[in-house]
Structures are given as structure tokens and as C-alpha cells.
Amino acid sequence: MNELLENIVGILRREFADAVHDVSEFRGDVTVLVQRDRIADITRFLRDLPDCPFNLIEDVCGVDRLERKERFEVVYHLFSLEKKARIRLKVRVDEAELRVPTVTGVFPGANWHERETYDMYGIVFDGHPDMRRVYMPEDYEHFPMRKDFPLLGIPGSIKLPRQ
């Protein structure tokens, strides 16, 4: 881990001692596992860091870890344009409680990413200004990126146009 990110992780551990659960590094990418209900506070804190503001949200996506107790993860990729530094935040989500606070109040650009994650995995982002599906019909009952979704889809689940 480079010195800049090491310092930032240290600051996060100090400021959010109760909410930072784990820090890992793989091939130079730093991942911080944080408490789900603190994600908006932590992204706001990182955005407003005076020495290294993470002022761009590159991506928000879902991950299905079918075999884990907390089956789903929401992953946030933040980037500092000034320092050319990247940090990844993760929150874990139990299948019984598929809710995460939105970060659209911090990063308006997270809007479509959160909607896509909802559409594909069924994770609802509380406080989102327009939580509706992006690709699938609103009345569609399934979430196609889940690992238990059939590879060839569910026959008859989507009404197709007549040919």
C-alpha cells in the first residue's frame, strides 16, 4: 500500500473506528469493508478530505456471494482526481435485509449505478431519488445477476412483443 493510501486508511480507522471492519490490498488496490449504515458518512468524509479529496465516484455495483452468510456486497470505487488515487469501499448485505443507504446525496453520479444494482440484484438504496428499474420491466419479479437466476432465464417471465 502506498504511503498516501496508508495515511487515508489510518484516518478512516481513527474517524470511523466502529464502522471500518477490514482493510485489504490486492495488486495495489485498497479495499475497505465498512458498516452498511455508515456508507454515506464515509463517502462524504472521503470526498471532503482536504489533502486528498476523492471527488469522483467511478462505479457502484453489486456482487452475489451465494455461499456467504451476508450473501451480497455493494462495491464503491472512488477516485481522487487531484492525487490520482483510488480506493474501494465495500458493504455487506444480508439477503433478509436488502437495503443500503443511498450515496446520491454525496455523489449524484451514483444515481444510475444504484438503480442498476437494484435492477440486477434487488438491493434497495434507501433515500434514492428515483429507485426504479433500468433494464427490466417494473413488474418483473426476478433479479438476473443473482447467482441462483437460471442461465437461460425464466421462460414466460417477460412478455415479449409479437413477431
C-alpha atoms as a PDB file:
ATOM      1  CA  MET A   1       0.000   0.000   0.000  1.00  0.00           C
ATOM      2  CA  ASN A   2       1.457   3.371  -0.892  1.00  0.00           C
ATOM      3  CA  GLU A   3       2.028   5.981   1.786  1.00  0.00           C
ATOM      4  CA  LEU A   4      -0.900   8.186   0.729  1.00  0.00           C
ATOM      5  CA  LEU A   5      -3.452   5.386   0.953  1.00  0.00           C
ATOM      6  CA  GLU A   6      -1.877   4.078   4.141  1.00  0.00           C
ATOM      7  CA  ASN A   7      -2.433   7.517   5.715  1.00  0.00           C
ATOM      8  CA  ILE A   8      -6.012   7.697   4.439  1.00  0.00           C
ATOM      9  CA  VAL A   9      -6.809   4.234   5.794  1.00  0.00           C
ATOM     10  CA  GLY A  10      -5.320   5.297   9.139  1.00  0.00           C
ATOM     11  CA  ILE A  11      -7.540   8.386   9.168  1.00  0.00           C
ATOM     12  CA  LEU A  12     -10.593   6.261   8.321  1.00  0.00           C
ATOM     13  CA  ARG A  13      -9.772   3.844  11.133  1.00  0.00           C
ATOM     14  CA  ARG A  14      -9.490   6.769  13.572  1.00  0.00           C
ATOM     15  CA  GLU A  15     -12.570   8.682  12.424  1.00  0.00           C
ATOM     16  CA  PHE A  16     -14.800   5.646  11.898  1.00  0.00           C
ATOM     17  CA  ALA A  17     -13.361   3.119  14.347  1.00  0.00           C
ATOM     18  CA  ASP A  18     -16.749   1.476  14.855  1.00  0.00           C
ATOM     19  CA  ALA A  19     -17.523   1.296  11.119  1.00  0.00           C
ATOM     20  CA  VAL A  20     -14.289   0.079   9.485  1.00  0.00           C
ATOM     21  CA  HIS A  21     -14.385  -3.726   9.671  1.00  0.00           C
ATOM     22  CA  ASP A  22     -11.477  -4.746   7.472  1.00  0.00           C
ATOM     23  CA  VAL A  23      -8.822  -3.385   5.132  1.00  0.00           C
ATOM     24  CA  SER A  24      -7.167  -5.422   2.416  1.00  0.00           C
ATOM     25  CA  GLU A  25      -4.883  -4.845  -0.513  1.00  0.00           C
ATOM     26  CA  PHE A  26      -4.543  -6.825  -3.699  1.00  0.00           C
ATOM     27  CA  ARG A  27      -2.220  -5.795  -6.507  1.00  0.00           C
ATOM     28  CA  GLY A  28      -2.112  -2.232  -5.271  1.00  0.00           C
ATOM     29  CA  ASP A  29      -5.885  -1.837  -4.906  1.00  0.00           C
ATOM     30  CA  VAL A  30      -7.018  -0.989  -1.387  1.00  0.00           C
ATOM     31  CA  THR A  31     -10.416  -2.228  -0.222  1.00  0.00           C
ATOM     32  CA  VAL A  32     -12.078  -1.044   2.967  1.00  0.00           C
ATOM     33  CA  LEU A  33     -15.010  -3.076   4.285  1.00  0.00           C
ATOM     34  CA  VAL A  34     -17.312  -0.686   6.119  1.00  0.00           C
ATOM     35  CA  GLN A  35     -20.531  -0.853   8.071  1.00  0.00           C
ATOM     36  CA  ARG A  36     -23.536  -0.626   5.787  1.00  0.00           C
ATOM     37  CA  ASP A  37     -25.382   2.159   7.604  1.00  0.00           C
ATOM     38  CA  ARG A  38     -22.290   4.419   7.612  1.00  0.00           C
ATOM     39  CA  ILE A  39     -21.521   4.302   3.867  1.00  0.00           C
ATOM     40  CA  ALA A  40     -22.894   7.785   3.119  1.00  0.00           C
ATOM     41  CA  ASP A  41     -20.934   9.321   6.021  1.00  0.00           C
ATOM     42  CA  ILE A  42     -17.720   7.616   4.935  1.00  0.00           C
ATOM     43  CA  THR A  43     -18.072   8.589   1.264  1.00  0.00           C
ATOM     44  CA  ARG A  44     -18.809  12.188   2.295  1.00  0.00           C
ATOM     45  CA  PHE A  45     -15.751  12.188   4.546  1.00  0.00           C
ATOM     46  CA  LEU A  46     -13.537  10.882   1.734  1.00  0.00           C
ATOM     47  CA  ARG A  47     -14.995  13.359  -0.754  1.00  0.00           C
ATOM     48  CA  ASP A  48     -14.222  16.255   1.591  1.00  0.00           C
ATOM     49  CA  LEU A  49     -10.687  15.243   2.643  1.00  0.00           C
ATOM     50  CA  PRO A  50      -8.581  18.415   2.366  1.00  0.00           C
ATOM     51  CA  ASP A  51      -5.306  16.774   1.270  1.00  0.00           C
ATOM     52  CA  CYS A  52      -6.764  14.094  -0.999  1.00  0.00           C
ATOM     53  CA  PRO A  53     -10.399  14.582  -1.913  1.00  0.00           C
ATOM     54  CA  PHE A  54     -11.968  11.532  -3.522  1.00  0.00           C
ATOM     55  CA  ASN A  55     -14.156  13.669  -5.745  1.00  0.00           C
ATOM     56  CA  LEU A  56     -15.232  11.095  -8.344  1.00  0.00           C
ATOM     57  CA  ILE A  57     -17.353   8.011  -7.916  1.00  0.00           C
ATOM     58  CA  GLU A  58     -16.304   5.713 -10.736  1.00  0.00           C
ATOM     59  CA  ASP A  59     -18.696   2.890 -10.081  1.00  0.00           C
ATOM     60  CA  VAL A  60     -21.186   1.312  -7.717  1.00  0.00           C
ATOM     61  CA  CYS A  61     -22.000  -2.334  -8.307  1.00  0.00           C
ATOM     62  CA  GLY A  62     -23.431  -5.406  -6.664  1.00  0.00           C
ATOM     63  CA  VAL A  63     -21.801  -8.765  -6.028  1.00  0.00           C
ATOM     64  CA  ASP A  64     -23.563 -12.020  -5.220  1.00  0.00           C
ATOM     65  CA  ARG A  65     -21.531 -14.269  -2.897  1.00  0.00           C
ATOM     66  CA  LEU A  66     -24.137 -17.025  -2.902  1.00  0.00           C
ATOM     67  CA  GLU A  67     -22.454 -19.205  -0.266  1.00  0.00           C
ATOM     68  CA  ARG A  68     -21.791 -16.489   2.339  1.00  0.00           C
ATOM     69  CA  LYS A  69     -23.996 -15.594   5.285  1.00  0.00           C
ATOM     70  CA  GLU A  70     -24.100 -11.990   4.123  1.00  0.00           C
ATOM     71  CA  ARG A  71     -24.757 -13.006   0.550  1.00  0.00           C
ATOM     72  CA  PHE A  72     -24.466  -9.643  -1.228  1.00  0.00           C
ATOM     73  CA  GLU A  73     -21.928  -6.852  -1.353  1.00  0.00           C
ATOM     74  CA  VAL A  74     -22.211  -3.341  -2.719  1.00  0.00           C
ATOM     75  CA  VAL A  75     -18.875  -2.067  -4.004  1.00  0.00           C
ATOM     76  CA  TYR A  76     -17.980   1.624  -4.416  1.00  0.00           C
ATOM     77  CA  HIS A  77     -14.955   2.774  -6.427  1.00  0.00           C
ATOM     78  CA  LEU A  78     -13.810   6.297  -5.526  1.00  0.00           C
ATOM     79  CA  PHE A  79     -11.060   8.252  -7.267  1.00  0.00           C
ATOM     80  CA  SER A  80      -9.092  11.367  -6.350  1.00  0.00           C
ATOM     81  CA  LEU A  81      -8.574  13.414  -9.494  1.00  0.00           C
ATOM     82  CA  GLU A  82      -6.008  15.572  -7.718  1.00  0.00           C
ATOM     83  CA  LYS A  83      -3.821  12.757  -6.345  1.00  0.00           C
ATOM     84  CA  LYS A  84      -4.634  10.060  -8.926  1.00  0.00           C
ATOM     85  CA  ALA A  85      -5.522   7.716  -6.076  1.00  0.00           C
ATOM     86  CA  ARG A  86      -8.241   5.087  -5.960  1.00  0.00           C
ATOM     87  CA  ILE A  87      -9.977   3.429  -3.029  1.00  0.00           C
ATOM     88  CA  ARG A  88     -12.642   0.738  -2.985  1.00  0.00           C
ATOM     89  CA  LEU A  89     -15.315   0.590  -0.291  1.00  0.00           C
ATOM     90  CA  LYS A  90     -17.499  -2.449   0.318  1.00  0.00           C
ATOM     91  CA  VAL A  91     -20.580  -3.055   2.403  1.00  0.00           C
ATOM     92  CA  ARG A  92     -22.067  -6.474   3.041  1.00  0.00           C
ATOM     93  CA  VAL A  93     -25.786  -7.061   2.792  1.00  0.00           C
ATOM     94  CA  ASP A  94     -27.749  -9.984   4.175  1.00  0.00           C
ATOM     95  CA  GLU A  95     -30.399 -11.457   1.884  1.00  0.00           C
ATOM     96  CA  ALA A  96     -33.026 -10.896   4.579  1.00  0.00           C
ATOM     97  CA  GLU A  97     -32.299  -7.131   4.691  1.00  0.00           C
ATOM     98  CA  LEU A  98     -31.534  -5.961   1.147  1.00  0.00           C
ATOM     99  CA  ARG A  99     -31.231  -2.274   1.993  1.00  0.00           C
ATOM    100  CA  VAL A 100     -28.316   0.168   1.850  1.00  0.00           C
ATOM    101  CA  PRO A 101     -28.385   3.959   2.284  1.00  0.00           C
ATOM    102  CA  THR A 102     -28.005   5.850  -0.980  1.00  0.00           C
ATOM    103  CA  VAL A 103     -24.880   7.906  -1.650  1.00  0.00           C
ATOM    104  CA  THR A 104     -26.599  10.075  -4.283  1.00  0.00           C
ATOM    105  CA  GLY A 105     -26.643  12.957  -1.787  1.00  0.00           C
ATOM    106  CA  VAL A 106     -22.843  12.789  -1.740  1.00  0.00           C
ATOM    107  CA  PHE A 107     -22.230  11.759  -5.345  1.00  0.00           C
ATOM    108  CA  PRO A 108     -25.174  12.474  -7.681  1.00  0.00           C
ATOM    109  CA  GLY A 109     -23.377  10.326 -10.282  1.00  0.00           C
ATOM    110  CA  ALA A 110     -24.191   7.242  -8.192  1.00  0.00           C
ATOM    111  CA  ASN A 111     -27.831   7.521  -9.297  1.00  0.00           C
ATOM    112  CA  TRP A 112     -27.760   5.184 -12.303  1.00  0.00           C
ATOM    113  CA  HIS A 113     -25.268   2.804 -10.700  1.00  0.00           C
ATOM    114  CA  GLU A 114     -27.532   2.300  -7.684  1.00  0.00           C
ATOM    115  CA  ARG A 115     -30.562   1.830  -9.922  1.00  0.00           C
ATOM    116  CA  GLU A 116     -28.731  -0.771 -11.977  1.00  0.00           C
ATOM    117  CA  THR A 117     -27.653  -2.601  -8.811  1.00  0.00           C
ATOM    118  CA  TYR A 118     -31.262  -2.602  -7.635  1.00  0.00           C
ATOM    119  CA  ASP A 119     -32.471  -3.824 -11.019  1.00  0.00           C
ATOM    120  CA  MET A 120     -29.990  -6.684 -11.270  1.00  0.00           C
ATOM    121  CA  TYR A 121     -29.681  -7.792  -7.597  1.00  0.00           C
ATOM    122  CA  GLY A 122     -32.741  -6.426  -5.773  1.00  0.00           C
ATOM    123  CA  ILE A 123     -30.748  -4.286  -3.330  1.00  0.00           C
ATOM    124  CA  VAL A 124     -32.786  -1.201  -2.434  1.00  0.00           C
ATOM    125  CA  PHE A 125     -30.967   2.089  -1.801  1.00  0.00           C
ATOM    126  CA  ASP A 126     -32.859   3.923   0.921  1.00  0.00           C
ATOM    127  CA  GLY A 127     -33.311   7.630   0.189  1.00  0.00           C
ATOM    128  CA  HIS A 128     -32.604   7.264  -3.522  1.00  0.00           C
ATOM    129  CA  PRO A 129     -34.484   9.948  -5.504  1.00  0.00           C
ATOM    130  CA  ASP A 130     -35.750   7.567  -8.226  1.00  0.00           C
ATOM    131  CA  MET A 131     -35.492   3.919  -7.183  1.00  0.00           C
ATOM    132  CA  ARG A 132     -36.917   2.151 -10.202  1.00  0.00           C
ATOM    133  CA  ARG A 133     -35.622  -0.427 -12.630  1.00  0.00           C
ATOM    134  CA  VAL A 134     -33.336   0.497 -15.516  1.00  0.00           C
ATOM    135  CA  TYR A 135     -33.409  -2.536 -17.826  1.00  0.00           C
ATOM    136  CA  MET A 136     -36.147  -4.855 -16.655  1.00  0.00           C
ATOM    137  CA  PRO A 137     -39.904  -4.071 -16.560  1.00  0.00           C
ATOM    138  CA  GLU A 138     -41.085  -2.594 -13.256  1.00  0.00           C
ATOM    139  CA  ASP A 139     -43.329  -5.589 -12.582  1.00  0.00           C
ATOM    140  CA  TYR A 140     -40.564  -8.139 -13.220  1.00  0.00           C
ATOM    141  CA  GLU A 141     -40.197 -10.278 -10.098  1.00  0.00           C
ATOM    142  CA  HIS A 142     -36.648 -11.562 -10.610  1.00  0.00           C
ATOM    143  CA  PHE A 143     -33.101 -10.210 -10.472  1.00  0.00           C
ATOM    144  CA  PRO A 144     -30.998 -11.520 -13.370  1.00  0.00           C
ATOM    145  CA  MET A 145     -27.483 -11.080 -11.950  1.00  0.00           C
ATOM    146  CA  ARG A 146     -28.119 -13.235  -8.902  1.00  0.00           C
ATOM    147  CA  LYS A 147     -26.225 -16.494  -8.990  1.00  0.00           C
ATOM    148  CA  ASP A 148     -29.386 -18.522  -8.465  1.00  0.00           C
ATOM    149  CA  PHE A 149     -31.051 -16.992 -11.550  1.00  0.00           C
ATOM    150  CA  PRO A 150     -31.294 -19.618 -14.309  1.00  0.00           C
ATOM    151  CA  LEU A 151     -28.680 -19.238 -17.035  1.00  0.00           C
ATOM    152  CA  LEU A 152     -31.291 -19.266 -19.804  1.00  0.00           C
ATOM    153  CA  GLY A 153     -33.729 -17.092 -17.890  1.00  0.00           C
ATOM    154  CA  ILE A 154     -37.215 -17.980 -16.719  1.00  0.00           C
ATOM    155  CA  PRO A 155     -39.475 -18.994 -19.611  1.00  0.00           C
ATOM    156  CA  GLY A 156     -42.569 -16.835 -19.834  1.00  0.00           C
ATOM    157  CA  SER A 157     -41.412 -14.369 -17.169  1.00  0.00           C
ATOM    158  CA  ILE A 158     -41.242 -11.466 -19.634  1.00  0.00           C
ATOM    159  CA  LYS A 159     -43.946 -10.745 -22.124  1.00  0.00           C
ATOM    160  CA  LEU A 160     -42.242 -10.435 -25.486  1.00  0.00           C
ATOM    161  CA  PRO A 161     -43.579  -8.441 -28.419  1.00  0.00           C
ATOM    162  CA  ARG A 162     -45.373 -10.407 -31.122  1.00  0.00           C
ATOM    163  CA  GLN A 163     -43.335 -11.188 -34.177  1.00  0.00           C
END
